[in-house]
C-alpha cells in the first residue's frame, strides 16, 4: 500500500467519516468503511451543506460533478476527500 495512504488511514482510524453517495450504494460503503478503512462512526449526508472544516468525506463518483461545482465554496474548509470508483459487478 502507498505510504501516504497508509499514514492517512492510521491518522483517521476510528474517526468519523461522512459519505455522499446514492442510496443504492449505501451497503457497499458501509462494508468498505467497516472492513477496509476501519471507521467506527459513519454518517451519510444528503447534501454537501453538511460539511465542516477538517471533515473526511467519501464521495461517490456519480456525485463528483456536484462537488466540483461547489468546490470553491469548500476550499477554505480543509476537507479530506476520498473518491471510490466503481466498475459495477466487476469489482466483486
Protein backbone atom coordinates (compact mmCIF):
# COMPACT_ATOMS: atom_id res chain seq x y z
CA UNK A 1 0.00 0.00 0.00
CA UNK A 2 1.17 3.51 -0.74
CA UNK A 3 2.99 5.01 2.27
CA UNK A 4 0.95 8.25 2.18
CA UNK A 5 -2.33 6.33 2.11
CA UNK A 6 -1.16 4.15 4.98
CA UNK A 7 -0.30 7.22 7.11
CA UNK A 8 -3.63 8.82 6.24
CA UNK A 9 -5.61 5.74 7.24
CA UNK A 10 -3.72 5.37 10.53
CA UNK A 11 -4.32 9.02 11.36
CA UNK A 12 -8.05 8.71 10.63
CA UNK A 13 -8.51 5.26 12.14
CA UNK A 14 -11.59 5.14 14.38
CA UNK A 15 -12.63 8.63 13.34
CA UNK A 16 -15.85 9.88 11.86
CA UNK A 17 -16.42 9.81 8.12
CA UNK A 18 -19.18 11.41 6.06
CA UNK A 19 -20.39 9.75 2.89
CA UNK A 20 -22.18 11.40 -0.03
CA UNK A 21 -23.49 8.63 -2.28
CA UNK A 22 -26.64 7.33 -4.00
CA UNK A 23 -28.97 5.16 -1.93
CA UNK A 24 -28.25 2.06 -4.00
CA UNK A 25 -24.59 2.05 -2.85
CA UNK A 26 -25.08 2.56 0.89
CA UNK A 27 -24.46 -1.12 1.71
CA UNK A 28 -21.24 -1.11 -0.31
CA UNK A 29 -19.92 1.95 1.52
CA UNK A 30 -20.79 0.54 4.93
CA UNK A 31 -18.76 -2.58 4.12
CA UNK A 32 -15.81 -0.53 2.82
CA UNK A 33 -15.83 1.77 5.84
CA UNK A 34 -16.01 -1.03 8.39
CA UNK A 35 -13.82 -3.69 6.80
CA UNK A 36 -11.28 -1.76 4.73
CA UNK A 37 -10.98 1.69 6.28
CA UNK A 38 -11.94 0.61 9.84
CA UNK A 39 -14.09 3.66 10.59
CA UNK A 40 -16.34 3.35 13.62
CA UNK A 41 -18.68 6.29 13.01
CA UNK A 42 -20.27 6.61 9.56
CA UNK A 43 -22.63 9.42 8.64
CA UNK A 44 -24.48 9.55 5.34
CA UNK A 45 -25.26 13.06 4.15
CA UNK A 46 -27.86 14.08 1.61
CA UNK A 47 -26.25 17.36 0.59
CA UNK A 48 -22.85 19.00 0.76
CA UNK A 49 -24.04 21.78 3.05
CA UNK A 50 -23.36 19.44 5.98
CA UNK A 51 -19.58 19.65 5.52
CA UNK A 52 -17.40 21.46 8.02
CA UNK A 53 -13.69 22.10 8.45
CA UNK A 54 -11.50 19.02 8.73
CA UNK A 55 -14.28 16.62 7.75
CA UNK A 56 -13.39 13.42 5.98
CA UNK A 57 -15.70 12.87 3.01
CA UNK A 58 -16.09 9.77 0.89
CA UNK A 59 -17.64 10.92 -2.35
CA UNK A 60 -19.27 8.61 -4.86
CA UNK A 61 -18.04 9.11 -8.41
CA UNK A 62 -21.58 9.83 -9.61
CA UNK A 63 -21.65 12.95 -7.38
CA UNK A 64 -18.23 14.24 -8.39
CA UNK A 65 -19.73 16.89 -10.68
CA UNK A 66 -21.92 18.18 -7.83
CA UNK A 67 -18.86 18.56 -5.61
CA UNK A 68 -16.77 20.24 -8.30
CA UNK A 69 -19.48 22.82 -8.98
CA UNK A 70 -19.34 23.82 -5.31
CA UNK A 71 -15.59 23.27 -4.88
CA UNK A 72 -14.77 26.96 -4.39
CA UNK A 73 -17.20 27.11 -1.51
CA UNK A 74 -15.32 24.34 0.35
CA UNK A 75 -11.70 25.25 -0.43
CA UNK A 76 -11.14 27.07 2.85
CA UNK A 77 -12.67 24.25 4.94
CA UNK A 78 -9.75 21.80 4.58
CA UNK A 79 -11.97 18.82 3.74
CA UNK A 80 -10.23 15.49 3.15
CA UNK A 81 -11.71 13.72 0.16
CA UNK A 82 -11.75 10.05 -0.83
CA UNK A 83 -13.34 9.06 -4.14
CA UNK A 84 -14.05 5.40 -4.80
CA UNK A 85 -14.56 4.39 -8.40
CA UNK A 86 -16.94 1.56 -9.26
CA UNK A 87 -16.93 -0.85 -12.19
CA UNK A 88 -20.26 -2.43 -11.33
CA UNK A 89 -20.18 -6.16 -10.65
CA UNK A 90 -16.61 -6.38 -11.97
CA UNK A 91 -15.39 -5.04 -8.60
CA UNK A 92 -16.52 -8.21 -6.88
